[in-house]
């Protein structure tokens, strides 16, 4: 980020009206400061929280787009956002290459 380091990684399911919990942000801030002591890290009072959309049950949408032939969708991995995309790519690769998929993707077909 241009203004410094953005440390992120917690998820809290509380709805859209609740304020950010600074204690959770403080944990990330302190860890970032310990690992990267020379980095410019936001000072106290500069904490920010954004809403992160999630699909029901954290089940991602995976498979062909119904209205655009040839387009494959792979989004909505939710909280396990860094661990889900690699297995998803393995699921979609055969279809992208014109082969039969190696798994039934019907459970991931909503919202297409």
N, C-alpha and C. Protein backbone atom coordinates (compact mmCIF):
# COMPACT_ATOMS: atom_id res chain seq x y z
N UNK A 1 0.86 -1.17 0.00
CA UNK A 1 0.00 0.00 0.00
C UNK A 1 0.90 1.24 0.00
N UNK A 2 0.47 2.29 -0.64
CA UNK A 2 1.28 3.50 -0.70
C UNK A 2 1.53 4.12 0.67
N UNK A 3 0.53 4.07 1.56
CA UNK A 3 0.65 4.72 2.85
C UNK A 3 1.30 3.88 3.93
N UNK A 4 1.66 2.66 3.63
CA UNK A 4 2.26 1.79 4.64
C UNK A 4 1.85 0.35 4.44
N UNK A 5 1.86 -0.39 5.50
CA UNK A 5 1.53 -1.82 5.47
C UNK A 5 0.07 -1.99 5.86
N UNK A 6 -0.63 -2.84 5.14
CA UNK A 6 -1.99 -3.20 5.56
C UNK A 6 -1.93 -4.63 6.07
N UNK A 7 -2.15 -4.79 7.35
CA UNK A 7 -2.19 -6.11 7.97
C UNK A 7 -3.65 -6.49 8.10
N UNK A 8 -4.00 -7.64 7.59
CA UNK A 8 -5.39 -8.06 7.64
C UNK A 8 -5.43 -9.56 7.87
N UNK A 9 -6.55 -10.02 8.34
CA UNK A 9 -6.66 -11.45 8.47
C UNK A 9 -7.67 -11.96 9.47
N UNK A 10 -8.44 -11.12 10.09
CA UNK A 10 -9.45 -11.65 11.01
C UNK A 10 -10.82 -11.46 10.40
N UNK A 11 -11.72 -12.34 10.75
CA UNK A 11 -13.10 -12.27 10.30
C UNK A 11 -13.97 -12.37 11.53
N UNK A 12 -14.96 -11.51 11.60
CA UNK A 12 -15.89 -11.52 12.72
C UNK A 12 -17.30 -11.42 12.15
N UNK A 13 -18.13 -12.39 12.43
CA UNK A 13 -19.48 -12.43 11.91
C UNK A 13 -20.41 -11.72 12.89
N UNK A 14 -20.67 -10.44 12.65
CA UNK A 14 -21.50 -9.65 13.57
C UNK A 14 -22.55 -8.82 12.87
N UNK A 15 -22.67 -8.89 11.57
CA UNK A 15 -23.63 -8.07 10.85
C UNK A 15 -23.01 -6.78 10.35
N UNK A 16 -23.83 -5.92 9.80
CA UNK A 16 -23.32 -4.70 9.15
C UNK A 16 -23.31 -3.48 10.05
N UNK A 17 -23.93 -3.54 11.20
CA UNK A 17 -24.07 -2.35 12.04
C UNK A 17 -23.03 -2.22 13.14
N UNK A 18 -22.33 -3.28 13.48
CA UNK A 18 -21.37 -3.25 14.58
C UNK A 18 -20.10 -2.52 14.17
N UNK A 19 -19.51 -1.83 15.12
CA UNK A 19 -18.27 -1.10 14.88
C UNK A 19 -17.07 -2.06 14.90
N UNK A 20 -15.97 -1.59 14.37
CA UNK A 20 -14.73 -2.36 14.39
C UNK A 20 -14.30 -2.62 15.82
N UNK A 21 -13.67 -3.77 16.04
CA UNK A 21 -13.14 -4.11 17.35
C UNK A 21 -11.65 -3.80 17.34
N UNK A 22 -11.25 -2.74 18.00
CA UNK A 22 -9.86 -2.31 17.94
C UNK A 22 -8.91 -3.34 18.56
N UNK A 23 -9.37 -4.11 19.53
CA UNK A 23 -8.48 -5.09 20.17
C UNK A 23 -8.00 -6.13 19.15
N UNK A 24 -8.87 -6.51 18.20
CA UNK A 24 -8.46 -7.45 17.16
C UNK A 24 -7.43 -6.81 16.23
N UNK A 25 -7.66 -5.56 15.88
CA UNK A 25 -6.72 -4.84 15.02
C UNK A 25 -5.39 -4.64 15.75
N UNK A 26 -5.45 -4.41 17.03
CA UNK A 26 -4.24 -4.21 17.84
C UNK A 26 -3.34 -5.45 17.78
N UNK A 27 -3.92 -6.65 17.81
CA UNK A 27 -3.13 -7.88 17.72
C UNK A 27 -2.34 -7.92 16.41
N UNK A 28 -3.00 -7.59 15.31
CA UNK A 28 -2.32 -7.57 14.02
C UNK A 28 -1.24 -6.49 13.97
N UNK A 29 -1.57 -5.33 14.51
CA UNK A 29 -0.62 -4.21 14.55
C UNK A 29 0.64 -4.62 15.31
N UNK A 30 0.46 -5.21 16.48
CA UNK A 30 1.61 -5.58 17.30
C UNK A 30 2.45 -6.67 16.63
N UNK A 31 1.80 -7.63 15.99
CA UNK A 31 2.55 -8.67 15.27
C UNK A 31 3.33 -8.08 14.10
N UNK A 32 2.69 -7.19 13.34
CA UNK A 32 3.37 -6.55 12.21
C UNK A 32 4.58 -5.75 12.68
N UNK A 33 4.41 -5.02 13.76
CA UNK A 33 5.51 -4.23 14.30
C UNK A 33 6.67 -5.11 14.76
N UNK A 34 6.37 -6.27 15.34
CA UNK A 34 7.41 -7.19 15.80
C UNK A 34 8.18 -7.80 14.63
N UNK A 35 7.48 -8.13 13.55
CA UNK A 35 8.10 -8.77 12.40
C UNK A 35 8.80 -7.76 11.48
N UNK A 36 8.21 -6.57 11.35
CA UNK A 36 8.72 -5.54 10.44
C UNK A 36 8.97 -4.24 11.20
N UNK A 37 9.95 -4.21 12.09
CA UNK A 37 10.14 -3.03 12.93
C UNK A 37 10.47 -1.74 12.17
N UNK A 38 11.01 -1.85 10.97
CA UNK A 38 11.38 -0.67 10.19
C UNK A 38 10.25 -0.16 9.30
N UNK A 39 9.20 -0.92 9.17
CA UNK A 39 8.11 -0.56 8.27
C UNK A 39 7.27 0.58 8.85
N UNK A 40 6.70 1.37 7.93
CA UNK A 40 5.75 2.40 8.36
C UNK A 40 4.42 1.72 8.60
N UNK A 41 3.99 1.69 9.84
CA UNK A 41 2.74 1.03 10.21
C UNK A 41 1.85 2.08 10.86
N UNK A 42 0.56 2.03 10.55
CA UNK A 42 -0.39 3.01 11.08
C UNK A 42 -0.26 3.15 12.59
N UNK A 43 -0.33 4.36 13.02
CA UNK A 43 -0.27 4.63 14.46
C UNK A 43 -1.64 4.47 15.08
N UNK A 44 -1.70 4.54 16.36
CA UNK A 44 -2.95 4.38 17.10
C UNK A 44 -4.04 5.30 16.56
N UNK A 45 -5.24 4.79 16.48
CA UNK A 45 -6.37 5.57 16.00
C UNK A 45 -6.57 5.47 14.49
N UNK A 46 -5.64 4.81 13.78
CA UNK A 46 -5.75 4.71 12.33
C UNK A 46 -6.29 3.35 11.89
N UNK A 47 -6.90 2.63 12.80
CA UNK A 47 -7.41 1.31 12.45
C UNK A 47 -8.65 1.43 11.59
N UNK A 48 -8.81 0.48 10.71
CA UNK A 48 -9.91 0.49 9.76
C UNK A 48 -10.49 -0.91 9.67
N UNK A 49 -11.78 -1.01 9.44
CA UNK A 49 -12.42 -2.29 9.23
C UNK A 49 -13.35 -2.15 8.04
N UNK A 50 -13.34 -3.14 7.19
CA UNK A 50 -14.26 -3.15 6.06
C UNK A 50 -15.11 -4.40 6.11
N UNK A 51 -16.25 -4.33 5.49
CA UNK A 51 -17.13 -5.50 5.44
C UNK A 51 -16.68 -6.40 4.32
N UNK A 52 -16.64 -7.67 4.60
CA UNK A 52 -16.17 -8.65 3.64
C UNK A 52 -17.35 -9.54 3.25
N UNK A 53 -17.80 -9.45 2.01
CA UNK A 53 -18.96 -10.25 1.63
C UNK A 53 -18.64 -11.74 1.67
N UNK A 54 -19.61 -12.50 2.07
CA UNK A 54 -19.47 -13.96 2.12
C UNK A 54 -20.72 -14.59 1.51
N UNK A 55 -20.54 -15.72 0.90
CA UNK A 55 -21.66 -16.48 0.38
C UNK A 55 -22.17 -17.41 1.48
N UNK A 56 -23.43 -17.80 1.41
CA UNK A 56 -23.98 -18.69 2.43
C UNK A 56 -23.16 -19.96 2.59
N UNK A 57 -22.81 -20.28 3.82
CA UNK A 57 -22.05 -21.49 4.09
C UNK A 57 -20.61 -21.44 3.62
N UNK A 58 -20.15 -20.30 3.15
CA UNK A 58 -18.79 -20.13 2.61
C UNK A 58 -18.51 -21.11 1.46
N UNK A 59 -19.54 -21.52 0.74
CA UNK A 59 -19.36 -22.39 -0.43
C UNK A 59 -19.20 -21.49 -1.65
N UNK A 60 -18.04 -21.52 -2.31
CA UNK A 60 -17.80 -20.62 -3.43
C UNK A 60 -18.61 -20.99 -4.67
N UNK A 61 -18.72 -20.03 -5.58
CA UNK A 61 -19.33 -20.26 -6.89
C UNK A 61 -18.20 -20.72 -7.81
N UNK A 62 -18.36 -21.92 -8.38
CA UNK A 62 -17.34 -22.50 -9.24
C UNK A 62 -18.04 -23.15 -10.43
N UNK A 63 -17.59 -22.84 -11.63
CA UNK A 63 -18.14 -23.50 -12.81
C UNK A 63 -18.43 -22.53 -13.94
N UNK A 64 -19.08 -23.03 -14.99
CA UNK A 64 -19.33 -22.19 -16.16
C UNK A 64 -20.39 -21.12 -15.89
N UNK A 65 -20.19 -19.95 -16.47
CA UNK A 65 -21.19 -18.87 -16.38
C UNK A 65 -22.33 -19.22 -17.33
N UNK A 66 -23.56 -19.08 -16.85
CA UNK A 66 -24.70 -19.51 -17.67
C UNK A 66 -24.94 -18.59 -18.86
N UNK A 67 -24.56 -17.32 -18.78
CA UNK A 67 -24.88 -16.38 -19.86
C UNK A 67 -23.70 -16.05 -20.78
N UNK A 68 -22.51 -16.50 -20.42
CA UNK A 68 -21.34 -16.21 -21.24
C UNK A 68 -20.57 -17.50 -21.52
N UNK A 69 -20.84 -18.14 -22.63
CA UNK A 69 -20.16 -19.41 -22.95
C UNK A 69 -18.64 -19.24 -22.92
N UNK A 70 -17.99 -20.21 -22.33
CA UNK A 70 -16.53 -20.19 -22.25
C UNK A 70 -15.97 -19.53 -20.99
N UNK A 71 -16.80 -18.77 -20.29
CA UNK A 71 -16.34 -18.11 -19.07
C UNK A 71 -16.56 -19.04 -17.89
N UNK A 72 -15.54 -19.20 -17.07
CA UNK A 72 -15.63 -20.02 -15.86
C UNK A 72 -15.55 -19.09 -14.65
N UNK A 73 -16.37 -19.36 -13.66
CA UNK A 73 -16.41 -18.54 -12.44
C UNK A 73 -15.73 -19.28 -11.31
N UNK A 74 -15.05 -18.52 -10.47
CA UNK A 74 -14.39 -19.08 -9.28
C UNK A 74 -14.22 -17.94 -8.29
N UNK A 75 -15.25 -17.72 -7.47
CA UNK A 75 -15.17 -16.64 -6.48
C UNK A 75 -16.00 -16.99 -5.26
N UNK A 76 -15.80 -16.22 -4.21
CA UNK A 76 -16.57 -16.39 -2.99
C UNK A 76 -15.97 -17.39 -2.02
N UNK A 77 -14.66 -17.49 -2.01
CA UNK A 77 -14.00 -18.45 -1.12
C UNK A 77 -14.09 -18.04 0.35
N UNK A 78 -14.49 -16.81 0.62
CA UNK A 78 -14.74 -16.36 1.99
C UNK A 78 -13.53 -16.47 2.90
N UNK A 79 -13.73 -16.83 4.16
CA UNK A 79 -12.62 -16.84 5.13
C UNK A 79 -11.40 -17.64 4.69
N UNK A 80 -11.55 -18.82 4.06
CA UNK A 80 -10.34 -19.51 3.62
C UNK A 80 -9.87 -19.01 2.25
N UNK A 81 -9.89 -17.70 2.06
CA UNK A 81 -9.62 -17.09 0.76
C UNK A 81 -8.27 -17.38 0.16
N UNK A 82 -7.27 -17.70 0.96
CA UNK A 82 -5.95 -17.98 0.41
C UNK A 82 -5.72 -19.47 0.17
N UNK A 83 -6.54 -20.31 0.77
CA UNK A 83 -6.34 -21.74 0.60
C UNK A 83 -7.30 -22.37 -0.40
N UNK A 84 -8.40 -21.71 -0.71
CA UNK A 84 -9.39 -22.27 -1.63
C UNK A 84 -9.07 -22.16 -3.11
N UNK A 85 -8.43 -21.09 -3.56
CA UNK A 85 -8.23 -20.92 -5.00
C UNK A 85 -7.39 -22.01 -5.69
N UNK A 86 -6.37 -22.54 -5.05
CA UNK A 86 -5.55 -23.57 -5.72
C UNK A 86 -6.36 -24.84 -5.99
N UNK A 87 -7.10 -25.38 -5.00
CA UNK A 87 -7.95 -26.54 -5.32
C UNK A 87 -9.03 -26.19 -6.34
N UNK A 88 -9.53 -24.97 -6.29
CA UNK A 88 -10.55 -24.55 -7.27
C UNK A 88 -9.96 -24.58 -8.67
N UNK A 89 -8.74 -24.11 -8.83
CA UNK A 89 -8.08 -24.14 -10.14
C UNK A 89 -7.95 -25.57 -10.65
N UNK A 90 -7.64 -26.50 -9.74
CA UNK A 90 -7.55 -27.91 -10.14
C UNK A 90 -8.91 -28.45 -10.60
N UNK A 91 -9.98 -27.95 -9.96
CA UNK A 91 -11.32 -28.39 -10.36
C UNK A 91 -11.71 -27.85 -11.74
N UNK A 92 -11.33 -26.59 -12.00
CA UNK A 92 -11.73 -25.95 -13.25
C UNK A 92 -10.82 -26.26 -14.44
N UNK A 93 -9.59 -26.63 -14.18
CA UNK A 93 -8.63 -26.83 -15.27
C UNK A 93 -9.11 -27.80 -16.34
N UNK A 94 -9.64 -28.98 -15.99
CA UNK A 94 -10.10 -29.88 -17.06
C UNK A 94 -11.18 -29.25 -17.94
N UNK A 95 -12.14 -28.56 -17.34
CA UNK A 95 -13.21 -27.94 -18.14
C UNK A 95 -12.64 -26.85 -19.05
N UNK A 96 -11.70 -26.09 -18.55
CA UNK A 96 -11.09 -25.04 -19.37
C UNK A 96 -10.33 -25.65 -20.55
N UNK A 97 -9.76 -26.83 -20.34
CA UNK A 97 -9.01 -27.52 -21.39
C UNK A 97 -9.91 -28.38 -22.29
N UNK A 98 -11.25 -28.28 -22.09
CA UNK A 98 -12.18 -29.02 -22.92
C UNK A 98 -12.38 -30.46 -22.51
N UNK A 99 -11.97 -30.84 -21.31
CA UNK A 99 -12.12 -32.20 -20.80
C UNK A 99 -13.25 -32.25 -19.78
N UNK A 100 -13.66 -33.44 -19.45
CA UNK A 100 -14.70 -33.60 -18.42
C UNK A 100 -14.13 -33.18 -17.07
N UNK A 101 -14.89 -32.45 -16.26
CA UNK A 101 -14.38 -32.07 -14.94
C UNK A 101 -14.15 -33.30 -14.08
N UNK A 102 -13.23 -33.20 -13.13
CA UNK A 102 -12.91 -34.33 -12.27
C UNK A 102 -13.81 -34.41 -11.03
N UNK A 103 -14.83 -33.55 -10.99
CA UNK A 103 -15.78 -33.55 -9.87
C UNK A 103 -17.06 -32.86 -10.32
N UNK A 104 -18.18 -33.27 -9.75
CA UNK A 104 -19.46 -32.62 -10.02
C UNK A 104 -19.47 -31.26 -9.32
N UNK A 105 -19.65 -30.19 -10.07
CA UNK A 105 -19.63 -28.84 -9.51
C UNK A 105 -21.03 -28.29 -9.25
N UNK A 106 -22.05 -29.13 -9.29
CA UNK A 106 -23.43 -28.67 -9.14
C UNK A 106 -23.66 -27.93 -7.81
N UNK A 107 -23.01 -28.35 -6.76
CA UNK A 107 -23.19 -27.69 -5.46
C UNK A 107 -22.68 -26.26 -5.47
N UNK A 108 -21.83 -25.93 -6.42
CA UNK A 108 -21.22 -24.60 -6.51
C UNK A 108 -21.87 -23.75 -7.61
N UNK A 109 -23.01 -24.19 -8.15
CA UNK A 109 -23.59 -23.56 -9.33
C UNK A 109 -24.48 -22.36 -9.06
N UNK A 110 -24.82 -22.05 -7.82
CA UNK A 110 -25.75 -20.95 -7.57
C UNK A 110 -25.16 -19.62 -8.01
N UNK A 111 -26.00 -18.67 -8.20
CA UNK A 111 -25.63 -17.28 -8.56
C UNK A 111 -24.98 -17.16 -9.92
N UNK A 112 -25.08 -18.13 -10.77
CA UNK A 112 -24.43 -18.01 -12.08
C UNK A 112 -25.42 -17.51 -13.08
